[in-house]
PDB file of N, CA and C in Angstrom:
ATOM      1  N   MET A   1       0.579   3.380  18.306  1.00  0.00           N
ATOM      2  CA  MET A   1       1.490   4.113  17.676  1.00  0.00           C
ATOM      3  C   MET A   1       1.623   4.132  16.369  1.00  0.00           C
ATOM      4  N   CYS A   2       1.931   4.588  15.768  1.00  0.00           N
ATOM      5  CA  CYS A   2       2.014   5.037  14.144  1.00  0.00           C
ATOM      6  C   CYS A   2       3.699   5.054  13.867  1.00  0.00           C
ATOM      7  N   PHE A   3       3.718   4.943  12.123  1.00  0.00           N
ATOM      8  CA  PHE A   3       4.931   4.170  11.893  1.00  0.00           C
ATOM      9  C   PHE A   3       5.111   5.433  10.439  1.00  0.00           C
ATOM     10  N   PHE A   4       5.581   6.142  10.235  1.00  0.00           N
ATOM     11  CA  PHE A   4       5.174   6.872   9.270  1.00  0.00           C
ATOM     12  C   PHE A   4       6.815   6.775   8.275  1.00  0.00           C
ATOM     13  N   THR A   5       6.791   6.321   6.713  1.00  0.00           N
ATOM     14  CA  THR A   5       7.454   6.316   6.106  1.00  0.00           C
ATOM     15  C   THR A   5       8.895   7.563   6.151  1.00  0.00           C
ATOM     16  N   SER A   6       9.719   7.511   6.618  1.00  0.00           N
ATOM     17  CA  SER A   6      10.663   8.482   5.396  1.00  0.00           C
ATOM     18  C   SER A   6      12.115   8.198   5.929  1.00  0.00           C
ATOM     19  N   CYS A   7      13.120   6.842   5.354  1.00  0.00           N
ATOM     20  CA  CYS A   7      14.273   6.514   5.718  1.00  0.00           C
ATOM     21  C   CYS A   7      15.026   6.390   4.270  1.00  0.00           C
ATOM     22  N   SER A   8      16.494   6.809   4.933  1.00  0.00           N
ATOM     23  CA  SER A   8      17.306   6.388   3.756  1.00  0.00           C
ATOM     24  C   SER A   8      18.342   5.251   3.968  1.00  0.00           C
ATOM     25  N   ASP A   9      18.338   4.497   5.434  1.00  0.00           N
ATOM     26  CA  ASP A   9      19.322   3.377   5.850  1.00  0.00           C
ATOM     27  C   ASP A   9      18.691   2.150   5.209  1.00  0.00           C
ATOM     28  N   LYS A  10      19.538   1.944   5.073  1.00  0.00           N
ATOM     29  CA  LYS A  10      19.291   0.276   4.121  1.00  0.00           C
ATOM     30  C   LYS A  10      18.649  -0.675   5.564  1.00  0.00           C
ATOM     31  N   ASP A  11      19.356  -0.488   6.813  1.00  0.00           N
ATOM     32  CA  ASP A  11      18.812  -1.182   7.921  1.00  0.00           C
ATOM     33  C   ASP A  11      17.374  -0.936   8.257  1.00  0.00           C
ATOM     34  N   GLU A  12      16.680   0.408   8.272  1.00  0.00           N
ATOM     35  CA  GLU A  12      15.927   0.755   8.450  1.00  0.00           C
ATOM     36  C   GLU A  12      14.806   0.113   7.393  1.00  0.00           C
ATOM     37  N   SER A  13      15.701   0.491   6.203  1.00  0.00           N
ATOM     38  CA  SER A  13      14.244  -0.167   5.059  1.00  0.00           C
ATOM     39  C   SER A  13      14.177  -1.577   5.510  1.00  0.00           C
ATOM     40  N   ARG A  14      14.998  -2.546   5.947  1.00  0.00           N
ATOM     41  CA  ARG A  14      15.051  -3.776   5.668  1.00  0.00           C
ATOM     42  C   ARG A  14      13.452  -3.825   7.117  1.00  0.00           C
ATOM     43  N   LEU A  15      13.820  -3.326   8.224  1.00  0.00           N
ATOM     44  CA  LEU A  15      13.353  -3.587   9.009  1.00  0.00           C
ATOM     45  C   LEU A  15      11.621  -2.900   8.674  1.00  0.00           C
ATOM     46  N   VAL A  16      11.355  -2.043   7.560  1.00  0.00           N
ATOM     47  CA  VAL A  16       9.841  -1.696   7.259  1.00  0.00           C
ATOM     48  C   VAL A  16       9.243  -2.602   6.391  1.00  0.00           C
ATOM     49  N   VAL A  17      10.173  -3.598   5.190  1.00  0.00           N
ATOM     50  CA  VAL A  17       9.841  -4.764   4.638  1.00  0.00           C
ATOM     51  C   VAL A  17       9.392  -5.461   5.628  1.00  0.00           C
ATOM     52  N   SER A  18       9.955  -5.840   6.321  1.00  0.00           N
ATOM     53  CA  SER A  18       9.830  -6.811   7.709  1.00  0.00           C
ATOM     54  C   SER A  18       8.537  -6.351   8.217  1.00  0.00           C
ATOM     55  N   GLU A  19       7.942  -5.371   8.682  1.00  0.00           N
ATOM     56  CA  GLU A  19       6.492  -4.308   8.930  1.00  0.00           C
ATOM     57  C   GLU A  19       5.558  -4.790   7.756  1.00  0.00           C
ATOM     58  N   LEU A  20       6.169  -4.462   6.660  1.00  0.00           N
ATOM     59  CA  LEU A  20       5.263  -4.789   5.275  1.00  0.00           C
ATOM     60  C   LEU A  20       4.718  -6.534   5.539  1.00  0.00           C
ATOM     61  N   VAL A  21       5.814  -6.766   5.686  1.00  0.00           N
ATOM     62  CA  VAL A  21       4.971  -8.382   4.890  1.00  0.00           C
ATOM     63  C   VAL A  21       4.340  -9.299   6.112  1.00  0.00           C
ATOM     64  N   SER A  22       2.947  -9.374   5.427  1.00  0.00           N
ATOM     65  CA  SER A  22       1.737  -9.767   5.876  1.00  0.00           C
ATOM     66  C   SER A  22       0.754 -10.228   5.068  1.00  0.00           C
ATOM     67  N   ARG A  23      -0.540 -10.780   5.697  1.00  0.00           N
ATOM     68  CA  ARG A  23      -1.294 -10.304   5.384  1.00  0.00           C
ATOM     69  C   ARG A  23      -2.855  -9.234   5.256  1.00  0.00           C
ATOM     70  N   TRP A  24      -3.283  -8.328   4.169  1.00  0.00           N
ATOM     71  CA  TRP A  24      -3.733  -6.905   4.810  1.00  0.00           C
ATOM     72  C   TRP A  24      -4.976  -7.170   4.111  1.00  0.00           C
ATOM     73  N   LYS A  25      -6.525  -7.125   4.606  1.00  0.00           N
ATOM     74  CA  LYS A  25      -7.981  -6.882   4.616  1.00  0.00           C
ATOM     75  C   LYS A  25      -8.334  -5.466   4.178  1.00  0.00           C
ATOM     76  N   TRP A  26      -8.767  -5.821   3.333  1.00  0.00           N
ATOM     77  CA  TRP A  26      -8.933  -4.013   2.507  1.00  0.00           C
ATOM     78  C   TRP A  26     -10.020  -3.324   3.384  1.00  0.00           C
ATOM     79  N   VAL A  27     -10.059  -2.228   4.126  1.00  0.00           N
ATOM     80  CA  VAL A  27     -11.380  -1.693   4.670  1.00  0.00           C
ATOM     81  C   VAL A  27     -11.948  -0.204   3.606  1.00  0.00           C
ATOM     82  N   GLU A  28     -11.369   0.085   2.985  1.00  0.00           N
ATOM     83  CA  GLU A  28     -11.725   1.447   2.409  1.00  0.00           C
ATOM     84  C   GLU A  28     -10.912   2.072   1.457  1.00  0.00           C
ATOM     85  N   SER A  29     -11.249   2.953   0.059  1.00  0.00           N
ATOM     86  CA  SER A  29     -10.397   3.429  -0.280  1.00  0.00           C
ATOM     87  C   SER A  29     -10.922   4.543  -0.750  1.00  0.00           C
ATOM     88  N   SER A  30     -10.336   5.810  -0.955  1.00  0.00           N
ATOM     89  CA  SER A  30     -11.349   7.374  -1.044  1.00  0.00           C
ATOM     90  C   SER A  30     -10.149   7.722  -2.198  1.00  0.00           C
ATOM     91  N   GLY A  31     -11.022   8.622  -3.501  1.00  0.00           N
ATOM     92  CA  GLY A  31      -9.529   9.318  -3.753  1.00  0.00           C
ATOM     93  C   GLY A  31     -10.595   9.447  -5.406  1.00  0.00           C
ATOM     94  N   GLY A  32     -10.120   9.585  -6.075  1.00  0.00           N
ATOM     95  CA  GLY A  32     -10.355   9.862  -7.876  1.00  0.00           C
ATOM     96  C   GLY A  32     -10.733  10.904  -7.978  1.00  0.00           C
ATOM     97  N   ILE A  33     -11.411  11.817  -9.244  1.00  0.00           N
ATOM     98  CA  ILE A  33     -11.936  12.745  -9.586  1.00  0.00           C
ATOM     99  C   ILE A  33     -12.682  13.605  -8.905  1.00  0.00           C
ATOM    100  N   ASP A  34     -13.467  11.951  -8.749  1.00  0.00           N
ATOM    101  CA  ASP A  34     -15.016  12.759  -8.098  1.00  0.00           C
ATOM    102  C   ASP A  34     -14.989  12.575  -6.164  1.00  0.00           C
ATOM    103  N   GLY A  35     -13.468  12.191  -5.814  1.00  0.00           N
ATOM    104  CA  GLY A  35     -13.945  12.309  -4.637  1.00  0.00           C
ATOM    105  C   GLY A  35     -14.689  10.851  -3.714  1.00  0.00           C
ATOM    106  N   ARG A  36     -14.925  10.268  -4.443  1.00  0.00           N
ATOM    107  CA  ARG A  36     -15.727   8.997  -3.699  1.00  0.00           C
ATOM    108  C   ARG A  36     -15.003   7.749  -2.793  1.00  0.00           C
ATOM    109  N   THR A  37     -16.196   7.403  -1.876  1.00  0.00           N
ATOM    110  CA  THR A  37     -15.478   6.355  -1.130  1.00  0.00           C
ATOM    111  C   THR A  37     -15.753   5.003  -1.323  1.00  0.00           C
ATOM    112  N   GLU A  38     -15.077   4.384  -1.480  1.00  0.00           N
ATOM    113  CA  GLU A  38     -15.669   2.674  -1.625  1.00  0.00           C
ATOM    114  C   GLU A  38     -15.140   1.821  -0.389  1.00  0.00           C
ATOM    115  N   THR A  39     -15.960   0.575  -0.111  1.00  0.00           N
ATOM    116  CA  THR A  39     -15.555  -0.265   1.402  1.00  0.00           C
ATOM    117  C   THR A  39     -16.232  -1.550   0.503  1.00  0.00           C
ATOM    118  N   PRO A  40     -15.959  -2.644   1.442  1.00  0.00           N
ATOM    119  CA  PRO A  40     -16.212  -4.104   0.892  1.00  0.00           C
ATOM    120  C   PRO A  40     -17.805  -3.935   0.384  1.00  0.00           C
ATOM    121  N   GLU A  41     -18.390  -3.484   1.663  1.00  0.00           N
ATOM    122  CA  GLU A  41     -19.953  -3.504   1.648  1.00  0.00           C
ATOM    123  C   GLU A  41     -20.482  -2.860   0.320  1.00  0.00           C
ATOM    124  N   SER A  42     -19.832  -1.354   0.109  1.00  0.00           N
ATOM    125  CA  SER A  42     -20.572  -0.930  -1.731  1.00  0.00           C
ATOM    126  C   SER A  42     -20.245  -1.270  -2.784  1.00  0.00           C
ATOM    127  N   THR A  43     -18.828  -2.308  -2.750  1.00  0.00           N
ATOM    128  CA  THR A  43     -18.526  -2.888  -4.111  1.00  0.00           C
ATOM    129  C   THR A  43     -18.821  -4.063  -4.023  1.00  0.00           C
ATOM    130  N   GLY A  44     -19.043  -5.179  -3.276  1.00  0.00           N
ATOM    131  CA  GLY A  44     -19.345  -6.645  -3.052  1.00  0.00           C
ATOM    132  C   GLY A  44     -17.716  -7.078  -3.405  1.00  0.00           C
ATOM    133  N   LYS A  45     -17.056  -6.253  -2.887  1.00  0.00           N
ATOM    134  CA  LYS A  45     -15.542  -7.157  -3.531  1.00  0.00           C
ATOM    135  C   LYS A  45     -14.755  -7.552  -1.705  1.00  0.00           C
ATOM    136  N   GLU A  46     -14.125  -8.501  -1.938  1.00  0.00           N
ATOM    137  CA  GLU A  46     -13.367  -8.243  -0.590  1.00  0.00           C
ATOM    138  C   GLU A  46     -11.928  -9.019  -0.803  1.00  0.00           C
ATOM    139  N   ILE A  47     -11.234  -7.392  -0.822  1.00  0.00           N
ATOM    140  CA  ILE A  47     -10.023  -7.593  -1.155  1.00  0.00           C
ATOM    141  C   ILE A  47      -8.898  -7.844  -0.081  1.00  0.00           C
ATOM    142  N   THR A  48      -8.036  -9.173  -0.350  1.00  0.00           N
ATOM    143  CA  THR A  48      -6.624  -9.096   0.613  1.00  0.00           C
ATOM    144  C   THR A  48      -5.698  -9.042  -0.237  1.00  0.00           C
ATOM    145  N   LEU A  49      -4.487  -8.659   0.302  1.00  0.00           N
ATOM    146  CA  LEU A  49      -3.108  -8.252  -0.220  1.00  0.00           C
ATOM    147  C   LEU A  49      -2.236  -9.050   0.450  1.00  0.00           C
ATOM    148  N   ILE A  50      -1.079  -9.758   0.294  1.00  0.00           N
ATOM    149  CA  ILE A  50      -0.125 -10.662   0.278  1.00  0.00           C
ATOM    150  C   ILE A  50       0.881 -10.370   0.191  1.00  0.00           C
ATOM    151  N   PHE A  51       1.688  -9.588   1.044  1.00  0.00           N
ATOM    152  CA  PHE A  51       3.463  -9.390   0.803  1.00  0.00           C
ATOM    153  C   PHE A  51       4.355 -10.020   1.563  1.00  0.00           C
ATOM    154  N   SER A  52       5.263 -10.496   0.561  1.00  0.00           N
ATOM    155  CA  SER A  52       6.085 -11.409   1.026  1.00  0.00           C
ATOM    156  C   SER A  52       7.741 -10.698   0.916  1.00  0.00           C
ATOM    157  N   LEU A  53       8.849 -10.717   1.298  1.00  0.00           N
ATOM    158  CA  LEU A  53       9.971 -10.518   0.909  1.00  0.00           C
ATOM    159  C   LEU A  53      10.210  -9.422   0.005  1.00  0.00           C
ATOM    160  N   ASN A  54       9.267  -9.675  -1.238  1.00  0.00           N
ATOM    161  CA  ASN A  54       9.707  -9.405  -2.584  1.00  0.00           C
ATOM    162  C   ASN A  54       8.753  -9.075  -3.217  1.00  0.00           C
ATOM    163  N   THR A  55       7.345 -10.528  -2.967  1.00  0.00           N
ATOM    164  CA  THR A  55       6.531 -10.716  -3.860  1.00  0.00           C
ATOM    165  C   THR A  55       5.139  -9.710  -3.109  1.00  0.00           C
ATOM    166  N   TYR A  56       4.238  -9.696  -4.205  1.00  0.00           N
ATOM    167  CA  TYR A  56       3.105  -9.079  -3.664  1.00  0.00           C
ATOM    168  C   TYR A  56       1.933  -9.930  -4.721  1.00  0.00           C
ATOM    169  N   GLN A  57       0.904 -10.018  -3.798  1.00  0.00           N
ATOM    170  CA  GLN A  57       0.035 -11.150  -4.227  1.00  0.00           C
ATOM    171  C   GLN A  57      -1.531 -10.308  -3.748  1.00  0.00           C
ATOM    172  N   GLN A  58      -2.397 -10.357  -4.842  1.00  0.00           N
ATOM    173  CA  GLN A  58      -3.941  -9.234  -4.862  1.00  0.00           C
ATOM    174  C   GLN A  58      -4.708 -10.509  -5.043  1.00  0.00           C
ATOM    175  N   TYR A  59      -5.610 -10.712  -4.099  1.00  0.00           N
ATOM    176  CA  TYR A  59      -6.965 -11.731  -4.141  1.00  0.00           C
ATOM    177  C   TYR A  59      -8.130 -10.745  -4.123  1.00  0.00           C
ATOM    178  N   VAL A  60      -9.045 -11.069  -4.713  1.00  0.00           N
ATOM    179  CA  VAL A  60      -9.808 -10.085  -4.862  1.00  0.00           C
ATOM    180  C   VAL A  60     -11.447 -11.611  -4.515  1.00  0.00           C
ATOM    181  N   ASN A  61     -12.338 -11.525  -3.768  1.00  0.00           N
ATOM    182  CA  ASN A  61     -13.168 -12.368  -3.544  1.00  0.00           C
ATOM    183  C   ASN A  61     -12.303 -13.618  -3.369  1.00  0.00           C
ATOM    184  N   ASP A  62     -11.245 -14.380  -2.725  1.00  0.00           N
ATOM    185  CA  ASP A  62     -10.658 -15.518  -2.536  1.00  0.00           C
ATOM    186  C   ASP A  62      -9.895 -15.986  -3.854  1.00  0.00           C
ATOM    187  N   GLU A  63     -10.124 -15.109  -5.095  1.00  0.00           N
ATOM    188  CA  GLU A  63      -9.153 -15.435  -6.636  1.00  0.00           C
ATOM    189  C   GLU A  63      -8.510 -14.615  -6.811  1.00  0.00           C
ATOM    190  N   LEU A  64      -6.878 -14.892  -6.821  1.00  0.00           N
ATOM    191  CA  LEU A  64      -6.172 -14.570  -7.178  1.00  0.00           C
ATOM    192  C   LEU A  64      -6.047 -13.698  -8.658  1.00  0.00           C
ATOM    193  N   GLU A  65      -5.841 -12.545  -8.209  1.00  0.00           N
ATOM    194  CA  GLU A  65      -6.022 -11.300  -9.225  1.00  0.00           C
ATOM    195  C   GLU A  65      -4.996 -10.673  -9.762  1.00  0.00           C
ATOM    196  N   LEU A  66      -3.819 -10.907  -9.223  1.00  0.00           N
ATOM    197  CA  LEU A  66      -2.733  -9.934  -9.071  1.00  0.00           C
ATOM    198  C   LEU A  66      -1.636 -10.925  -8.285  1.00  0.00           C
ATOM    199  N   GLU A  67      -0.562 -10.852  -8.982  1.00  0.00           N
ATOM    200  CA  GLU A  67       0.892 -11.375  -8.583  1.00  0.00           C
ATOM    201  C   GLU A  67       1.810 -10.639  -8.859  1.00  0.00           C
ATOM    202  N   MET A  68       2.918 -10.057  -8.393  1.00  0.00           N
ATOM    203  CA  MET A  68       4.142  -9.498  -8.963  1.00  0.00           C
ATOM    204  C   MET A  68       5.156  -8.975  -8.111  1.00  0.00           C
ATOM    205  N   THR A  69       6.657  -8.847  -8.581  1.00  0.00           N
ATOM    206  CA  THR A  69       7.171  -8.362  -7.884  1.00  0.00           C
ATOM    207  C   THR A  69       7.748  -7.301  -7.114  1.00  0.00           C
ATOM    208  N   TYR A  70       7.894  -6.874  -6.394  1.00  0.00           N
ATOM    209  CA  TYR A  70       8.127  -4.998  -5.714  1.00  0.00           C
ATOM    210  C   TYR A  70       9.419  -5.128  -4.990  1.00  0.00           C
ATOM    211  N   HIS A  71       9.978  -4.064  -4.488  1.00  0.00           N
ATOM    212  CA  HIS A  71      10.961  -3.304  -3.774  1.00  0.00           C
ATOM    213  C   HIS A  71      10.644  -1.969  -3.526  1.00  0.00           C
ATOM    214  N   LEU A  72      11.518  -1.389  -2.432  1.00  0.00           N
ATOM    215  CA  LEU A  72      11.004  -0.508  -1.766  1.00  0.00           C
ATOM    216  C   LEU A  72      12.204   0.653  -2.037  1.00  0.00           C
ATOM    217  N   GLU A  73      11.616   1.524  -2.266  1.00  0.00           N
ATOM    218  CA  GLU A  73      12.961   2.836  -3.148  1.00  0.00           C
ATOM    219  C   GLU A  73      12.431   4.460  -2.291  1.00  0.00           C
ATOM    220  N   GLU A  74      13.315   5.115  -1.849  1.00  0.00           N
ATOM    221  CA  GLU A  74      12.913   6.348  -1.239  1.00  0.00           C
ATOM    222  C   GLU A  74      12.961   7.027  -2.399  1.00  0.00           C
ATOM    223  N   ALA A  75      11.893   7.991  -2.671  1.00  0.00           N
ATOM    224  CA  ALA A  75      11.423   9.137  -4.153  1.00  0.00           C
ATOM    225  C   ALA A  75      10.823   9.963  -3.488  1.00  0.00           C
ATOM    226  N   GLU A  76      10.601  11.173  -3.998  1.00  0.00           N
ATOM    227  CA  GLU A  76       9.871  12.639  -4.096  1.00  0.00           C
ATOM    228  C   GLU A  76       8.267  11.778  -4.393  1.00  0.00           C
ATOM    229  N   SER A  77       7.482  12.473  -3.021  1.00  0.00           N
ATOM    230  CA  SER A  77       6.833  12.158  -3.183  1.00  0.00           C
ATOM    231  C   SER A  77       5.934  13.187  -4.240  1.00  0.00           C
ATOM    232  N   MET A  78       4.432  12.416  -4.453  1.00  0.00           N
ATOM    233  CA  MET A  78       3.760  14.105  -5.421  1.00  0.00           C
ATOM    234  C   MET A  78       2.597  14.412  -4.653  1.00  0.00           C
ATOM    235  N   ILE A  79       2.239  13.394  -3.621  1.00  0.00           N
ATOM    236  CA  ILE A  79       1.292  13.271  -2.521  1.00  0.00           C
ATOM    237  C   ILE A  79       1.568  14.193  -1.213  1.00  0.00           C
ATOM    238  N   PHE A  80       3.233  13.970  -1.072  1.00  0.00           N
ATOM    239  CA  PHE A  80       3.169  14.524   0.421  1.00  0.00           C
ATOM    240  C   PHE A  80       4.325  15.694   0.058  1.00  0.00           C
ATOM    241  N   GLY A  81       4.928  15.778  -1.446  1.00  0.00           N
ATOM    242  CA  GLY A  81       5.681  17.033  -1.507  1.00  0.00           C
ATOM    243  C   GLY A  81       7.377  16.733  -1.155  1.00  0.00           C
ATOM    244  N   GLU A  82       7.798  15.280  -0.503  1.00  0.00           N
ATOM    245  CA  GLU A  82       9.009  15.343  -0.059  1.00  0.00           C
ATOM    246  C   GLU A  82       9.655  13.756  -0.268  1.00  0.00           C
ATOM    247  N   LYS A  83      10.673  13.453   0.190  1.00  0.00           N
ATOM    248  CA  LYS A  83      10.864  12.108  -0.532  1.00  0.00           C
ATOM    249  C   LYS A  83      10.435  11.178   0.925  1.00  0.00           C
ATOM    250  N   ARG A  84       9.892   9.831   0.121  1.00  0.00           N
ATOM    251  CA  ARG A  84       9.037   9.050   1.292  1.00  0.00           C
ATOM    252  C   ARG A  84       9.487   7.544   0.667  1.00  0.00           C
ATOM    253  N   LEU A  85       9.657   6.605   1.393  1.00  0.00           N
ATOM    254  CA  LEU A  85       9.969   5.397   0.682  1.00  0.00           C
ATOM    255  C   LEU A  85       8.599   5.014   0.179  1.00  0.00           C
ATOM    256  N   MET A  86       8.731   4.310  -0.691  1.00  0.00           N
ATOM    257  CA  MET A  86       7.716   3.526  -1.944  1.00  0.00           C
ATOM    258  C   MET A  86       7.658   2.406  -2.263  1.00  0.00           C
ATOM    259  N   ILE A  87       6.827   1.688  -2.335  1.00  0.00           N
ATOM    260  CA  ILE A  87       6.459   0.537  -2.725  1.00  0.00           C
ATOM    261  C   ILE A  87       6.663   0.923  -4.207  1.00  0.00           C
ATOM    262  N   VAL A  88       7.515   0.097  -4.510  1.00  0.00           N
ATOM    263  CA  VAL A  88       7.541   0.078  -6.577  1.00  0.00           C
ATOM    264  C   VAL A  88       7.300  -1.099  -6.760  1.00  0.00           C
ATOM    265  N   TYR A  89       6.290  -1.302  -7.760  1.00  0.00           N
ATOM    266  CA  TYR A  89       5.911  -2.705  -8.182  1.00  0.00           C
ATOM    267  C   TYR A  89       6.561  -2.783  -9.663  1.00  0.00           C
ATOM    268  N   GLU A  90       6.593  -4.378  -9.929  1.00  0.00           N
ATOM    269  CA  GLU A  90       7.114  -4.774 -11.046  1.00  0.00           C
ATOM    270  C   GLU A  90       7.084  -3.772 -12.718  1.00  0.00           C
ATOM    271  N   ASN A  91       5.400  -3.606 -12.541  1.00  0.00           N
ATOM    272  CA  ASN A  91       4.744  -2.863 -13.571  1.00  0.00           C
ATOM    273  C   ASN A  91       5.096  -1.224 -13.378  1.00  0.00           C
ATOM    274  N   GLY A  92       5.818  -0.829 -12.215  1.00  0.00           N
ATOM    275  CA  GLY A  92       6.160   0.742 -12.661  1.00  0.00           C
ATOM    276  C   GLY A  92       5.256   1.505 -11.569  1.00  0.00           C
ATOM    277  N   ARG A  93       4.149   0.758 -11.159  1.00  0.00           N
ATOM    278  CA  ARG A  93       3.096   1.694 -10.058  1.00  0.00           C
ATOM    279  C   ARG A  93       3.817   1.713  -8.883  1.00  0.00           C
ATOM    280  N   ARG A  94       3.688   3.080  -8.144  1.00  0.00           N
ATOM    281  CA  ARG A  94       4.077   3.122  -6.927  1.00  0.00           C
ATOM    282  C   ARG A  94       3.360   3.758  -6.012  1.00  0.00           C
ATOM    283  N   GLN A  95       3.330   3.154  -4.309  1.00  0.00           N
ATOM    284  CA  GLN A  95       2.638   3.416  -3.916  1.00  0.00           C
ATOM    285  C   GLN A  95       3.643   4.292  -2.475  1.00  0.00           C
ATOM    286  N   SER A  96       3.003   5.469  -2.047  1.00  0.00           N
ATOM    287  CA  SER A  96       4.019   5.897  -0.781  1.00  0.00           C
ATOM    288  C   SER A  96       2.813   4.899   0.232  1.00  0.00           C
ATOM    289  N   PHE A  97       3.263   5.132   1.538  1.00  0.00           N
ATOM    290  CA  PHE A  97       2.496   4.574   2.809  1.00  0.00           C
ATOM    291  C   PHE A  97       2.850   4.754   3.908  1.00  0.00           C
ATOM    292  N   ASP A  98       2.236   4.717   5.109  1.00  0.00           N
ATOM    293  CA  ASP A  98       2.143   4.674   6.184  1.00  0.00           C
ATOM    294  C   ASP A  98       1.563   3.733   7.082  1.00  0.00           C
ATOM    295  N   ARG A  99       2.080   2.905   8.080  1.00  0.00           N
ATOM    296  CA  ARG A  99       1.361   1.829   8.942  1.00  0.00           C
ATOM    297  C   ARG A  99       1.425   2.471  10.401  1.00  0.00           C
ATOM    298  N   CYS A 100       0.067   2.425  10.985  1.00  0.00           N
ATOM    299  CA  CYS A 100      -0.776   2.892  11.886  1.00  0.00           C
ATOM    300  C   CYS A 100      -1.644   1.916  12.677  1.00  0.00           C
ATOM    301  N   ASP A 101      -1.236   1.385  13.874  1.00  0.00           N
ATOM    302  CA  ASP A 101      -2.205   0.775  14.641  1.00  0.00           C
ATOM    303  C   ASP A 101      -2.858  -0.779  14.123  1.00  0.00           C
ATOM    304  N   GLY A 102      -2.154  -0.850  13.314  1.00  0.00           N
ATOM    305  CA  GLY A 102      -2.255  -2.529  12.555  1.00  0.00           C
ATOM    306  C   GLY A 102      -3.030  -1.965  11.268  1.00  0.00           C
ATOM    307  N   LYS A 103      -3.183  -0.857  11.109  1.00  0.00           N
ATOM    308  CA  LYS A 103      -3.531  -0.833   9.608  1.00  0.00           C
ATOM    309  C   LYS A 103      -2.640  -0.248   8.954  1.00  0.00           C
ATOM    310  N   LEU A 104      -2.329  -0.554   7.353  1.00  0.00           N
ATOM    311  CA  LEU A 104      -1.588  -0.246   6.170  1.00  0.00           C
ATOM    312  C   LEU A 104      -2.392   0.394   5.369  1.00  0.00           C
ATOM    313  N   ILE A 105      -2.060   1.919   5.385  1.00  0.00           N
ATOM    314  CA  ILE A 105      -2.603   2.994   4.789  1.00  0.00           C
ATOM    315  C   ILE A 105      -1.610   3.352   3.051  1.00  0.00           C
ATOM    316  N   LEU A 106      -1.867   3.062   1.742  1.00  0.00           N
ATOM    317  CA  LEU A 106      -1.259   2.778   0.568  1.00  0.00           C
ATOM    318  C   LEU A 106      -1.961   4.381   0.098  1.00  0.00           C
ATOM    319  N   TYR A 107      -0.904   5.128  -0.360  1.00  0.00           N
ATOM    320  CA  TYR A 107      -1.128   6.828  -1.370  1.00  0.00           C
ATOM    321  C   TYR A 107      -1.046   6.036  -3.001  1.00  0.00           C
ATOM    322  N   ASP A 108      -1.863   6.101  -3.753  1.00  0.00           N
ATOM    323  CA  ASP A 108      -1.694   5.661  -4.855  1.00  0.00           C
ATOM    324  C   ASP A 108      -0.646   7.288  -5.455  1.00  0.00           C
ATOM    325  N   GLU A 109       0.456   6.912  -5.970  1.00  0.00           N
ATOM    326  CA  GLU A 109       1.427   8.573  -6.389  1.00  0.00           C
ATOM    327  C   GLU A 109       0.601   8.597  -7.532  1.00  0.00           C
ATOM    328  N   CYS A 110       0.266   9.412  -7.655  1.00  0.00           N
ATOM    329  CA  CYS A 110      -0.533  10.042  -9.194  1.00  0.00           C
ATOM    330  C   CYS A 110      -1.933  11.332  -8.818  1.00  0.00           C
ATOM    331  N   PHE A 111      -1.900  11.881  -9.493  1.00  0.00           N
ATOM    332  CA  PHE A 111      -3.029  13.020  -8.979  1.00  0.00           C
ATOM    333  C   PHE A 111      -4.074  12.442  -9.743  1.00  0.00           C
ATOM    334  N   ASP A 112      -5.261  12.440  -8.479  1.00  0.00           N
ATOM    335  CA  ASP A 112      -6.887  12.074  -8.448  1.00  0.00           C
ATOM    336  C   ASP A 112      -6.698  10.545  -8.094  1.00  0.00           C
ATOM    337  N   CYS A 113      -5.935  10.089  -7.648  1.00  0.00           N
ATOM    338  CA  CYS A 113      -5.961   8.670  -7.361  1.00  0.00           C
ATOM    339  C   CYS A 113      -6.242   8.569  -6.203  1.00  0.00           C
ATOM    340  N   PHE A 114      -6.146   7.016  -5.525  1.00  0.00           N
ATOM    341  CA  PHE A 114      -7.012   6.645  -4.169  1.00  0.00           C
ATOM    342  C   PHE A 114      -5.728   6.457  -3.167  1.00  0.00           C
ATOM    343  N   THR A 115      -6.569   6.696  -1.927  1.00  0.00           N
ATOM    344  CA  THR A 115      -5.757   6.304  -0.700  1.00  0.00           C
ATOM    345  C   THR A 115      -6.660   4.836  -0.179  1.00  0.00           C
ATOM    346  N   SER A 116      -6.112   4.024  -0.051  1.00  0.00           N
ATOM    347  CA  SER A 116      -6.515   2.939   0.543  1.00  0.00           C
ATOM    348  C   SER A 116      -6.096   2.207   2.229  1.00  0.00           C
ATOM    349  N   THR A 117      -7.182   2.228   3.055  1.00  0.00           N
ATOM    350  CA  THR A 117      -6.711   1.422   4.380  1.00  0.00           C
ATOM    351  C   THR A 117      -6.959   0.010   4.497  1.00  0.00           C
ATOM    352  N   TYR A 118      -5.956  -0.921   4.812  1.00  0.00           N
ATOM    353  CA  TYR A 118      -6.275  -2.109   5.212  1.00  0.00           C
ATOM    354  C   TYR A 118      -5.686  -2.577   6.429  1.00  0.00           C
ATOM    355  N   ILE A 119      -6.336  -3.632   6.985  1.00  0.00           N
ATOM    356  CA  ILE A 119      -5.818  -3.822   8.462  1.00  0.00           C
ATOM    357  C   ILE A 119      -5.352  -5.609   8.426  1.00  0.00           C
ATOM    358  N   ARG A 120      -4.452  -5.345   9.039  1.00  0.00           N
ATOM    359  CA  ARG A 120      -3.548  -6.835   9.326  1.00  0.00           C
ATOM    360  C   ARG A 120      -4.188  -7.952   9.998  1.00  0.00           C
ATOM    361  N   PHE A 121      -4.265  -9.058   9.562  1.00  0.00           N
ATOM    362  CA  PHE A 121      -5.052 -10.253   9.856  1.00  0.00           C
ATOM    363  C   PHE A 121      -4.251 -11.563   9.775  1.00  0.00           C
TER     364      PHE A 121
END
């Protein structure tokens, strides 16, 4: 079963946050102007994301590379052309997302950007 985000109710937003809170292991990313696909095998990078209730951490090869706060916000998606729930990081970066069968799919909200897939562990 897949859960595609598109909500405006605060209770539903809290539910989405609770489902986002976890450890996520990177599987692959694709996109960019050249349409390339990158994986842990092709890059030599093992990436782990940890979402808590309001903090995001990114580890690369078991070293903390990035830590910041985030919140969820409904906004018009340039990728999907409709309002979507987005992760908004303290540095201004925005990602729309879907969760499906234990996977987290993050869509960078910009042109020629990447879509990345993670699995819960």
